Amino acid sequence: MTRIPSIRAWLLAPLILVAACSTAPPSAPPVDRPLPPREAGLAFVNQVWKVSESRDVALGMLYVFLSDGTLVMSAPGSRPALGTWAAQGEGLTMTEDGITYSVQVLESSPARFRLRSFNPGEPVDITLVPAAGSR
């Protein structure tokens, strides 16, 4: 005697085949996210810094190193200028007006940020302190 498949078997068979043949969508590769600036040793990031000492940079000029790599600079009484910055080895690179130069970090603490920039010409030393109300 030949057995006739039940309706249940006919309904389950396509579902089993689909489940067996389907594959999970490929998972995205893990994203390497940069450490938050403070954890990465970049405590100067996202703070407003004011020039307190320099032979070549106007005292009171403001610098902000944003975490997205944007550099904002503003001298008293002038419009802000934008550039870029990036951590590189033990120092930084900064780009202003399309010119990229190396910057050595001489000191980095919550109270003081000292830089030596190697832009065209002689090296320029800059001492920055937190701007009033920026912390």
C-alpha atoms as a PDB file:
ATOM      1  CA  MET A   1       0.000   0.000   0.000  1.00  0.00           C
ATOM      2  CA  THR A   2       1.330   3.383  -1.052  1.00  0.00           C
ATOM      3  CA  ARG A   3       1.216   6.102   1.549  1.00  0.00           C
ATOM      4  CA  ILE A   4       0.016   9.550   0.429  1.00  0.00           C
ATOM      5  CA  PRO A   5       1.988  12.365   2.036  1.00  0.00           C
ATOM      6  CA  SER A   6      -0.054  14.432   4.373  1.00  0.00           C
ATOM      7  CA  ILE A   7      -0.793  18.109   3.848  1.00  0.00           C
ATOM      8  CA  ARG A   8       1.439  18.866   6.826  1.00  0.00           C
ATOM      9  CA  ALA A   9       4.436  17.314   5.081  1.00  0.00           C
ATOM     10  CA  TRP A  10       3.736  19.334   1.918  1.00  0.00           C
ATOM     11  CA  LEU A  11       3.621  22.535   3.948  1.00  0.00           C
ATOM     12  CA  LEU A  12       6.716  21.785   6.023  1.00  0.00           C
ATOM     13  CA  ALA A  13       8.953  20.647   3.163  1.00  0.00           C
ATOM     14  CA  PRO A  14       9.299  24.091   1.492  1.00  0.00           C
ATOM     15  CA  LEU A  15       9.939  25.734   4.853  1.00  0.00           C
ATOM     16  CA  ILE A  16      12.684  23.237   5.678  1.00  0.00           C
ATOM     17  CA  LEU A  17      14.266  23.723   2.250  1.00  0.00           C
ATOM     18  CA  VAL A  18      14.207  27.516   2.553  1.00  0.00           C
ATOM     19  CA  ALA A  19      15.659  27.415   6.042  1.00  0.00           C
ATOM     20  CA  ALA A  20      18.408  25.002   4.970  1.00  0.00           C
ATOM     21  CA  CYS A  21      19.350  27.031   1.895  1.00  0.00           C
ATOM     22  CA  SER A  22      19.270  30.490   3.376  1.00  0.00           C
ATOM     23  CA  THR A  23      22.416  31.988   4.758  1.00  0.00           C
ATOM     24  CA  ALA A  24      22.796  34.640   7.337  1.00  0.00           C
ATOM     25  CA  PRO A  25      23.689  38.016   5.884  1.00  0.00           C
ATOM     26  CA  PRO A  26      27.417  38.620   6.024  1.00  0.00           C
ATOM     27  CA  SER A  27      28.326  40.397   9.192  1.00  0.00           C
ATOM     28  CA  ALA A  28      30.095  43.700   8.899  1.00  0.00           C
ATOM     29  CA  PRO A  29      33.740  43.648   9.900  1.00  0.00           C
ATOM     30  CA  PRO A  30      34.360  45.064  13.361  1.00  0.00           C
ATOM     31  CA  VAL A  31      34.972  48.781  13.313  1.00  0.00           C
ATOM     32  CA  ASP A  32      38.148  49.997  14.956  1.00  0.00           C
ATOM     33  CA  ARG A  33      36.951  53.036  16.810  1.00  0.00           C
ATOM     34  CA  PRO A  34      39.530  55.451  18.097  1.00  0.00           C
ATOM     35  CA  LEU A  35      39.777  55.742  21.831  1.00  0.00           C
ATOM     36  CA  PRO A  36      38.128  58.790  23.333  1.00  0.00           C
ATOM     37  CA  PRO A  37      40.755  61.553  23.441  1.00  0.00           C
ATOM     38  CA  ARG A  38      41.344  61.417  27.194  1.00  0.00           C
ATOM     39  CA  GLU A  39      41.912  57.642  27.106  1.00  0.00           C
ATOM     40  CA  ALA A  40      44.286  57.947  24.166  1.00  0.00           C
ATOM     41  CA  GLY A  41      46.485  60.427  26.060  1.00  0.00           C
ATOM     42  CA  LEU A  42      45.140  63.400  24.111  1.00  0.00           C
ATOM     43  CA  ALA A  43      43.721  65.399  26.995  1.00  0.00           C
ATOM     44  CA  PHE A  44      44.163  68.646  25.043  1.00  0.00           C
ATOM     45  CA  VAL A  45      41.400  67.656  22.613  1.00  0.00           C
ATOM     46  CA  ASN A  46      38.004  69.408  22.729  1.00  0.00           C
ATOM     47  CA  GLN A  47      39.340  72.095  25.061  1.00  0.00           C
ATOM     48  CA  VAL A  48      39.716  75.804  24.358  1.00  0.00           C
ATOM     49  CA  TRP A  49      43.364  76.841  24.793  1.00  0.00           C
ATOM     50  CA  LYS A  50      44.717  80.402  24.994  1.00  0.00           C
ATOM     51  CA  VAL A  51      48.251  81.440  24.039  1.00  0.00           C
ATOM     52  CA  SER A  52      49.982  82.648  27.218  1.00  0.00           C
ATOM     53  CA  GLU A  53      53.598  82.770  25.945  1.00  0.00           C
ATOM     54  CA  SER A  54      55.118  82.995  22.478  1.00  0.00           C
ATOM     55  CA  ARG A  55      57.546  85.218  20.584  1.00  0.00           C
ATOM     56  CA  ASP A  56      55.723  84.674  17.299  1.00  0.00           C
ATOM     57  CA  VAL A  57      52.031  84.057  18.060  1.00  0.00           C
ATOM     58  CA  ALA A  58      49.694  86.735  19.418  1.00  0.00           C
ATOM     59  CA  LEU A  59      49.041  86.423  23.135  1.00  0.00           C
ATOM     60  CA  GLY A  60      45.394  85.609  23.798  1.00  0.00           C
ATOM     61  CA  MET A  61      44.967  83.728  20.508  1.00  0.00           C
ATOM     62  CA  LEU A  62      42.659  80.739  20.956  1.00  0.00           C
ATOM     63  CA  TYR A  63      43.240  77.193  19.700  1.00  0.00           C
ATOM     64  CA  VAL A  64      40.750  74.318  19.768  1.00  0.00           C
ATOM     65  CA  PHE A  65      41.794  70.822  18.654  1.00  0.00           C
ATOM     66  CA  LEU A  66      38.457  69.125  17.956  1.00  0.00           C
ATOM     67  CA  SER A  67      38.208  65.332  18.161  1.00  0.00           C
ATOM     68  CA  ASP A  68      37.226  65.084  14.478  1.00  0.00           C
ATOM     69  CA  GLY A  69      40.607  66.539  13.432  1.00  0.00           C
ATOM     70  CA  THR A  70      39.401  70.107  12.957  1.00  0.00           C
ATOM     71  CA  LEU A  71      41.644  72.876  14.245  1.00  0.00           C
ATOM     72  CA  VAL A  72      39.939  76.163  15.136  1.00  0.00           C
ATOM     73  CA  MET A  73      42.112  79.251  15.685  1.00  0.00           C
ATOM     74  CA  SER A  74      40.995  82.739  16.597  1.00  0.00           C
ATOM     75  CA  ALA A  75      42.935  85.866  17.453  1.00  0.00           C
ATOM     76  CA  PRO A  76      41.277  88.611  19.466  1.00  0.00           C
ATOM     77  CA  GLY A  77      39.223  90.829  17.158  1.00  0.00           C
ATOM     78  CA  SER A  78      39.480  88.539  14.119  1.00  0.00           C
ATOM     79  CA  ARG A  79      37.359  85.852  12.488  1.00  0.00           C
ATOM     80  CA  PRO A  80      38.138  82.246  13.390  1.00  0.00           C
ATOM     81  CA  ALA A  81      40.308  80.286  10.973  1.00  0.00           C
ATOM     82  CA  LEU A  82      39.942  76.563  10.333  1.00  0.00           C
ATOM     83  CA  GLY A  83      42.625  73.973   9.737  1.00  0.00           C
ATOM     84  CA  THR A  84      43.217  70.334  10.546  1.00  0.00           C
ATOM     85  CA  TRP A  85      45.361  68.431  12.984  1.00  0.00           C
ATOM     86  CA  ALA A  86      46.311  64.787  13.561  1.00  0.00           C
ATOM     87  CA  ALA A  87      48.329  62.870  16.124  1.00  0.00           C
ATOM     88  CA  GLN A  88      51.531  61.573  14.565  1.00  0.00           C
ATOM     89  CA  GLY A  89      53.990  59.547  16.604  1.00  0.00           C
ATOM     90  CA  GLU A  90      54.989  61.573  19.649  1.00  0.00           C
ATOM     91  CA  GLY A  91      53.712  64.799  18.147  1.00  0.00           C
ATOM     92  CA  LEU A  92      51.146  66.297  15.806  1.00  0.00           C
ATOM     93  CA  THR A  93      50.736  67.526  12.289  1.00  0.00           C
ATOM     94  CA  MET A  94      48.812  70.721  11.731  1.00  0.00           C
ATOM     95  CA  THR A  95      47.532  72.158   8.466  1.00  0.00           C
ATOM     96  CA  GLU A  96      46.775  75.862   8.203  1.00  0.00           C
ATOM     97  CA  ASP A  97      46.019  77.641   4.919  1.00  0.00           C
ATOM     98  CA  GLY A  98      46.911  74.464   2.999  1.00  0.00           C
ATOM     99  CA  ILE A  99      50.385  74.176   4.572  1.00  0.00           C
ATOM    100  CA  THR A 100      51.064  71.065   6.673  1.00  0.00           C
ATOM    101  CA  TYR A 101      53.832  71.076   9.257  1.00  0.00           C
ATOM    102  CA  SER A 102      55.073  68.967  12.163  1.00  0.00           C
ATOM    103  CA  VAL A 103      54.482  69.978  15.756  1.00  0.00           C
ATOM    104  CA  GLN A 104      56.420  68.657  18.731  1.00  0.00           C
ATOM    105  CA  VAL A 105      54.477  68.383  21.996  1.00  0.00           C
ATOM    106  CA  LEU A 106      56.839  69.686  24.691  1.00  0.00           C
ATOM    107  CA  GLU A 107      54.343  69.410  27.560  1.00  0.00           C
ATOM    108  CA  SER A 108      50.769  68.277  27.900  1.00  0.00           C
ATOM    109  CA  SER A 109      48.909  68.591  31.176  1.00  0.00           C
ATOM    110  CA  PRO A 110      45.451  69.828  32.142  1.00  0.00           C
ATOM    111  CA  ALA A 111      46.976  73.204  33.089  1.00  0.00           C
ATOM    112  CA  ARG A 112      49.527  73.696  30.295  1.00  0.00           C
ATOM    113  CA  PHE A 113      50.068  72.650  26.687  1.00  0.00           C
ATOM    114  CA  ARG A 114      53.446  73.567  25.148  1.00  0.00           C
ATOM    115  CA  LEU A 115      54.150  73.126  21.448  1.00  0.00           C
ATOM    116  CA  ARG A 116      57.038  73.692  19.053  1.00  0.00           C
ATOM    117  CA  SER A 117      55.777  74.019  15.490  1.00  0.00           C
ATOM    118  CA  PHE A 118      58.079  73.495  12.536  1.00  0.00           C
ATOM    119  CA  ASN A 119      56.181  75.607  10.034  1.00  0.00           C
ATOM    120  CA  PRO A 120      58.119  77.428   7.295  1.00  0.00           C
ATOM    121  CA  GLY A 121      60.885  79.508   8.824  1.00  0.00           C
ATOM    122  CA  GLU A 122      62.244  79.112  12.337  1.00  0.00           C
ATOM    123  CA  PRO A 123      60.520  76.785  14.840  1.00  0.00           C
ATOM    124  CA  VAL A 124      57.802  78.534  16.835  1.00  0.00           C
ATOM    125  CA  ASP A 125      57.279  77.803  20.538  1.00  0.00           C
ATOM    126  CA  ILE A 126      53.787  78.289  21.927  1.00  0.00           C
ATOM    127  CA  THR A 127      52.591  77.885  25.510  1.00  0.00           C
ATOM    128  CA  LEU A 128      48.843  77.424  25.862  1.00  0.00           C
ATOM    129  CA  VAL A 129      46.707  77.446  28.995  1.00  0.00           C
ATOM    130  CA  PRO A 130      43.005  76.639  29.363  1.00  0.00           C
ATOM    131  CA  ALA A 131      40.872  79.593  28.336  1.00  0.00           C
ATOM    132  CA  ALA A 132      38.705  80.969  31.135  1.00  0.00           C
ATOM    133  CA  GLY A 133      35.581  78.867  31.570  1.00  0.00           C
ATOM    134  CA  SER A 134      36.631  76.140  29.127  1.00  0.00           C
ATOM    135  CA  ARG A 135      36.993  73.331  31.666  1.00  0.00           C
END
